[in-house]
Amino acid sequence: MNIKREFSLDINGITVAGIAYGNSQNAPLLALHGWLDNAASFEQLAKELPERHVLAIDFVGHGKSSHRDANASYYIWDNVVDLNNVLDALKLEQVDIVGHSMGASIAMMFAACFPEKVKQLYLIEGIAPLNYATQELPQLMRKAIRQRVKAQNRQARGYRCFDQMVEARVNGRFPVSINAARLLVERGSVKRGEDFFWSSDPALLLPSINRMNETQIMAFLEQVDVPVIVFLGEDGLRSDLWNQYFEKIKTLKVEVFSGNHHLHVYPCGARKIAALVD
């Protein structure tokens, strides 16, 4: 990897930030991170893909990108809109996409909506959004609205030092290596006064008011008409529905490696993924 540079895009008044790796003359690979991660999660994978121009973005509300308005929600389909605008801003008519977790779900939905803009999908530990039973949606909406009201005056938690944030990220629900944690925290934190805070929008932690059911998700999967490779970690995140989802994809290959939910941030996992991407 010879080149690494920051970039930012103005999308209708919202800044979408990112990191570009490699020579811009090489074939582009758009990289979409997971929930509460940021573009730095693809640093290791980009090192293993020196012949690709990896463009890793921070989703809105994450990393160095803007937050949505105070009264706005973070719906997964809004990221599909943002992704379409990002491709236009980057002047990419067609691109390969690698997505991790939430980013994989967004990539799948985008490919279902715009198959002409996607050549190949590489999905790491994810394939579709969370689904909810249709009959439960009214109660889930009620609960989500109440939680938003409670969170209005909640203060963000601060950390005494940078290393404390790194330790928290290493020991999170989905653990990562110390090196990966440092990269994620460097990009995903801000210092205010004497304390450090996550730069991601606290609203991302709130439950969605509107959600998707299985029927809606299946409809998107059935419209994916591009080749898909799914990478799973042996100790990763699994859903009982995933095998049913896999059956809906027309052209699918599933690869299972040693690793956890963030298998792409470790050198071994990144090399195995890169071998199939390249």
Protein backbone atom coordinates (compact mmCIF):
# COMPACT_ATOMS: atom_id res chain seq x y z
CA MET A 1 0.00 0.00 0.00
CA ASN A 2 1.82 3.09 -1.27
CA ILE A 3 -0.74 5.80 -0.64
CA LYS A 4 -3.16 6.66 2.16
CA ARG A 5 -5.10 9.89 2.16
CA GLU A 6 -8.13 11.45 3.81
CA PHE A 7 -11.05 12.70 1.74
CA SER A 8 -14.42 14.27 2.42
CA LEU A 9 -17.55 14.73 0.35
CA ASP A 10 -20.29 17.34 0.71
CA ILE A 11 -23.57 15.44 0.29
CA ASN A 12 -26.42 17.93 0.43
CA GLY A 13 -24.78 19.82 3.27
CA ILE A 14 -23.67 16.70 5.16
CA THR A 15 -19.98 15.78 5.27
CA VAL A 16 -19.14 12.17 4.47
CA ALA A 17 -15.51 11.54 5.37
CA GLY A 18 -13.31 8.65 4.34
CA ILE A 19 -9.88 7.17 3.76
CA ALA A 20 -8.53 6.29 0.33
CA TYR A 21 -5.86 3.59 0.11
CA GLY A 22 -3.71 2.78 -2.90
CA ASN A 23 -3.35 4.21 -6.39
CA SER A 24 -6.44 5.97 -7.73
CA GLN A 25 -5.72 4.43 -11.14
CA ASN A 26 -6.38 0.95 -9.75
CA ALA A 27 -9.77 -0.75 -9.67
CA PRO A 28 -11.94 0.83 -6.95
CA LEU A 29 -13.29 -1.12 -3.97
CA LEU A 30 -15.77 0.72 -1.79
CA ALA A 31 -15.54 -0.34 1.88
CA LEU A 32 -18.48 -0.03 4.29
CA HIS A 33 -17.87 -0.46 8.03
CA GLY A 34 -20.09 -1.86 10.77
CA TRP A 35 -22.22 -0.17 13.41
CA LEU A 36 -20.20 2.17 15.69
CA ASP A 37 -17.00 1.39 13.74
CA ASN A 38 -15.49 3.68 11.12
CA ALA A 39 -13.39 3.69 7.95
CA ALA A 40 -10.22 2.74 9.87
CA SER A 41 -11.57 -0.79 10.33
CA PHE A 42 -10.39 -1.54 6.78
CA GLU A 43 -6.76 -0.51 7.31
CA GLN A 44 -5.50 -4.10 7.55
CA LEU A 45 -7.51 -5.32 4.58
CA ALA A 46 -6.31 -2.39 2.45
CA LYS A 47 -2.69 -3.37 3.21
CA GLU A 48 -3.43 -6.79 1.76
CA LEU A 49 -4.90 -5.27 -1.42
CA PRO A 50 -2.11 -3.10 -2.88
CA GLU A 51 -3.52 -3.47 -6.40
CA ARG A 52 -6.90 -2.02 -5.45
CA HIS A 53 -8.01 1.55 -4.78
CA VAL A 54 -9.83 1.01 -1.49
CA LEU A 55 -12.27 3.80 -0.60
CA ALA A 56 -13.44 3.39 2.99
CA ILE A 57 -16.12 5.82 4.13
CA ASP A 58 -17.43 6.83 7.54
CA PHE A 59 -21.19 6.43 7.52
CA VAL A 60 -23.11 9.52 8.64
CA GLY A 61 -22.99 9.69 12.43
CA HIS A 62 -19.72 7.74 12.58
CA GLY A 63 -16.01 8.58 12.56
CA LYS A 64 -15.32 11.98 11.02
CA SER A 65 -18.61 12.27 9.12
CA SER A 66 -21.39 14.65 10.11
CA HIS A 67 -24.21 13.71 12.45
CA ARG A 68 -27.81 13.84 11.29
CA ASP A 69 -30.08 16.60 12.61
CA ALA A 70 -31.02 16.37 16.28
CA ASN A 71 -34.55 15.15 15.56
CA ALA A 72 -33.55 12.76 12.78
CA SER A 73 -33.33 8.98 13.16
CA TYR A 74 -30.68 6.59 11.91
CA TYR A 75 -32.48 4.14 9.66
CA ILE A 76 -30.50 1.62 7.66
CA TRP A 77 -32.27 2.65 4.45
CA ASP A 78 -31.02 6.22 4.91
CA ASN A 79 -27.50 4.82 4.50
CA VAL A 80 -28.56 3.33 1.18
CA VAL A 81 -29.55 6.83 0.06
CA ASP A 82 -26.21 8.19 1.30
CA LEU A 83 -24.34 5.43 -0.51
CA ASN A 84 -26.01 6.28 -3.79
CA ASN A 85 -25.01 9.92 -3.30
CA VAL A 86 -21.44 8.92 -2.42
CA LEU A 87 -21.05 6.97 -5.68
CA ASP A 88 -22.31 9.99 -7.61
CA ALA A 89 -19.92 12.32 -5.76
CA LEU A 90 -16.99 9.96 -6.43
CA LYS A 91 -18.07 9.66 -10.08
CA LEU A 92 -18.19 5.87 -9.83
CA GLU A 93 -20.65 4.37 -12.28
CA GLN A 94 -20.01 0.80 -11.13
CA VAL A 95 -17.97 -0.57 -8.25
CA ASP A 96 -17.12 -3.60 -6.14
CA ILE A 97 -18.27 -3.24 -2.53
CA VAL A 98 -16.95 -4.87 0.64
CA GLY A 99 -19.13 -4.45 3.71
CA HIS A 100 -18.80 -5.57 7.30
CA SER A 101 -21.82 -6.33 9.52
CA MET A 102 -24.15 -3.31 9.19
CA GLY A 103 -22.12 -2.27 6.15
CA ALA A 104 -22.79 -5.68 4.60
CA SER A 105 -26.53 -5.20 5.06
CA ILE A 106 -26.38 -1.75 3.49
CA ALA A 107 -24.33 -3.11 0.57
CA MET A 108 -26.88 -5.87 -0.01
CA MET A 109 -29.81 -3.44 0.00
CA PHE A 110 -27.98 -1.08 -2.33
CA ALA A 111 -27.20 -3.90 -4.77
CA ALA A 112 -30.87 -4.93 -4.71
CA CYS A 113 -31.93 -1.38 -5.58
CA PHE A 114 -29.13 -0.54 -8.04
CA PRO A 115 -27.73 -3.76 -9.57
CA GLU A 116 -26.30 -1.78 -12.49
CA LYS A 117 -23.99 0.09 -10.08
CA VAL A 118 -22.49 -2.98 -8.38
CA LYS A 119 -20.13 -5.55 -9.96
CA GLN A 120 -19.41 -7.74 -6.94
CA LEU A 121 -20.36 -7.89 -3.26
CA TYR A 122 -17.99 -9.07 -0.54
CA LEU A 123 -19.91 -9.35 2.72
CA ILE A 124 -18.07 -9.89 6.02
CA GLU A 125 -20.11 -11.25 8.92
CA GLY A 126 -23.39 -9.90 7.64
CA ILE A 127 -25.94 -10.15 4.86
CA ALA A 128 -29.19 -8.45 5.89
CA PRO A 129 -30.66 -6.09 8.51
CA LEU A 130 -32.11 -7.38 11.75
CA ASN A 131 -35.66 -8.65 11.28
CA TYR A 132 -38.59 -8.37 13.65
CA ALA A 133 -41.90 -10.22 13.90
CA THR A 134 -44.62 -8.17 12.22
CA GLN A 135 -47.03 -8.49 15.15
CA GLU A 136 -44.40 -7.06 17.51
CA LEU A 137 -43.76 -3.87 15.53
CA PRO A 138 -46.34 -1.64 17.31
CA GLN A 139 -44.96 -2.47 20.76
CA LEU A 140 -41.38 -2.07 19.56
CA MET A 141 -42.26 1.36 18.14
CA ARG A 142 -43.86 2.36 21.46
CA LYS A 143 -40.78 1.25 23.39
CA ALA A 144 -38.41 3.04 20.98
CA ILE A 145 -40.32 6.32 21.26
CA ARG A 146 -40.25 6.16 25.06
CA GLN A 147 -36.51 5.46 25.08
CA ARG A 148 -35.90 8.47 22.86
CA VAL A 149 -37.81 10.71 25.26
CA LYS A 150 -35.73 9.41 28.20
CA ALA A 151 -32.46 9.97 26.30
CA GLN A 152 -33.08 13.64 25.49
CA ASN A 153 -31.14 15.04 28.45
CA ARG A 154 -28.67 12.19 28.85
CA GLN A 155 -25.03 13.24 29.00
CA ALA A 156 -22.38 11.40 26.98
CA ARG A 157 -19.87 9.39 28.98
CA GLY A 158 -16.31 10.71 28.97
CA TYR A 159 -13.01 8.84 29.35
CA ARG A 160 -10.03 10.11 31.31
CA CYS A 161 -7.49 9.18 28.64
CA PHE A 162 -7.08 7.79 25.15
CA ASP A 163 -5.79 4.43 26.37
CA GLN A 164 -8.93 3.95 28.46
CA MET A 165 -10.99 4.26 25.28
CA VAL A 166 -8.72 1.77 23.53
CA GLU A 167 -9.19 -0.69 26.37
CA ALA A 168 -12.96 -0.25 26.19
CA ARG A 169 -12.91 -0.95 22.46
CA VAL A 170 -10.70 -4.02 22.84
CA ASN A 171 -13.11 -5.44 25.41
CA GLY A 172 -16.34 -4.47 23.66
CA ARG A 173 -19.16 -6.81 22.67
CA PHE A 174 -17.21 -7.70 19.53
CA PRO A 175 -13.51 -7.65 20.58
CA VAL A 176 -10.77 -6.41 18.28
CA SER A 177 -6.97 -6.39 18.52
CA ILE A 178 -5.15 -3.55 20.28
CA ASN A 179 -3.78 -2.28 16.96
CA ALA A 180 -7.24 -2.22 15.40
CA ALA A 181 -8.72 -0.61 18.50
CA ARG A 182 -6.16 2.19 18.37
CA LEU A 183 -6.98 2.92 14.74
CA LEU A 184 -10.71 2.92 15.44
CA VAL A 185 -10.37 5.14 18.50
CA GLU A 186 -8.03 7.59 16.77
CA ARG A 187 -10.62 8.13 14.08
CA GLY A 188 -13.67 7.78 16.28
CA SER A 189 -12.92 10.01 19.28
CA VAL A 190 -12.73 13.69 20.16
CA LYS A 191 -11.24 15.51 23.14
CA ARG A 192 -13.38 18.06 24.97
CA GLY A 193 -11.74 19.72 27.93
CA GLU A 194 -9.82 17.07 29.85
CA ASP A 195 -11.91 14.10 28.71
CA PHE A 196 -12.19 12.00 25.58
CA PHE A 197 -15.54 11.14 23.97
CA TRP A 198 -16.69 8.95 21.09
CA SER A 199 -17.27 11.05 17.99
CA SER A 200 -20.16 8.84 16.87
CA ASP A 201 -23.65 10.25 17.37
CA PRO A 202 -25.17 8.98 20.67
CA ALA A 203 -28.46 8.65 18.77
CA LEU A 204 -26.98 5.57 17.09
CA LEU A 205 -27.45 3.76 20.39
CA LEU A 206 -31.21 4.32 20.37
CA PRO A 207 -33.55 1.65 18.97
CA SER A 208 -35.11 2.32 15.59
CA ILE A 209 -38.72 3.48 15.56
CA ASN A 210 -39.36 1.75 12.22
CA ARG A 211 -37.99 -1.74 11.58
CA MET A 212 -38.02 -4.42 8.90
CA ASN A 213 -39.72 -7.81 8.98
CA GLU A 214 -38.62 -11.04 7.33
CA THR A 215 -40.85 -10.62 4.29
CA GLN A 216 -39.36 -7.22 3.48
CA ILE A 217 -35.80 -8.51 3.88
CA MET A 218 -36.44 -11.53 1.66
CA ALA A 219 -37.77 -9.21 -1.05
CA PHE A 220 -34.42 -7.35 -1.11
CA LEU A 221 -32.36 -10.56 -1.13
CA GLU A 222 -34.32 -11.91 -4.09
CA GLN A 223 -33.41 -8.80 -6.10
CA VAL A 224 -29.64 -9.16 -5.64
CA ASP A 225 -28.41 -10.09 -9.11
CA VAL A 226 -24.65 -9.73 -8.67
CA PRO A 227 -22.07 -12.29 -7.45
CA VAL A 228 -21.78 -12.39 -3.67
CA ILE A 229 -19.07 -13.85 -1.43
CA VAL A 230 -19.88 -14.02 2.28
CA PHE A 231 -17.02 -14.31 4.79
CA LEU A 232 -17.89 -15.74 8.20
CA GLY A 233 -15.76 -16.16 11.33
CA GLU A 234 -15.88 -19.48 13.14
CA ASP A 235 -16.46 -17.50 16.36
CA GLY A 236 -18.47 -14.79 14.67
CA LEU A 237 -22.04 -13.60 14.75
CA ARG A 238 -24.54 -16.14 13.42
CA SER A 239 -28.27 -15.95 12.86
CA ASP A 240 -30.58 -18.93 12.40
CA LEU A 241 -32.10 -17.10 9.44
CA TRP A 242 -28.87 -16.68 7.52
CA ASN A 243 -29.10 -20.06 5.78
CA GLN A 244 -32.53 -19.06 4.52
CA TYR A 245 -31.12 -15.75 3.37
CA PHE A 246 -28.29 -17.51 1.53
CA GLU A 247 -30.82 -19.52 -0.46
CA LYS A 248 -32.32 -16.31 -1.87
CA ILE A 249 -29.04 -15.09 -3.40
CA LYS A 250 -28.68 -16.17 -7.03
CA THR A 251 -24.85 -16.34 -7.13
CA LEU A 252 -23.36 -17.00 -3.72
CA LYS A 253 -20.17 -18.38 -2.21
CA VAL A 254 -19.70 -18.73 1.56
CA GLU A 255 -16.22 -18.85 3.12
CA VAL A 256 -15.72 -19.68 6.81
CA PHE A 257 -12.41 -18.69 8.44
CA SER A 258 -10.91 -18.82 11.90
CA GLY A 259 -11.81 -15.56 13.60
CA ASN A 260 -14.55 -13.55 15.28
CA HIS A 261 -17.04 -10.93 14.12
CA HIS A 262 -14.17 -8.59 13.16
CA LEU A 263 -12.10 -11.20 11.34
CA HIS A 264 -11.04 -8.62 8.70
CA VAL A 265 -9.10 -6.46 11.20
CA TYR A 266 -6.66 -9.29 11.98
CA PRO A 267 -3.78 -9.99 9.54
CA CYS A 268 -4.73 -13.64 9.03
CA GLY A 269 -8.38 -12.93 8.27
CA ALA A 270 -7.53 -9.93 6.10
CA ARG A 271 -5.13 -12.03 4.00
CA LYS A 272 -7.74 -14.73 3.42
CA ILE A 273 -10.39 -12.20 2.43
CA ALA A 274 -7.95 -10.32 0.19
CA ALA A 275 -6.99 -13.52 -1.64
CA LEU A 276 -10.59 -13.91 -2.81
CA VAL A 277 -11.21 -10.21 -3.40
CA ASP A 278 -8.08 -9.87 -5.52
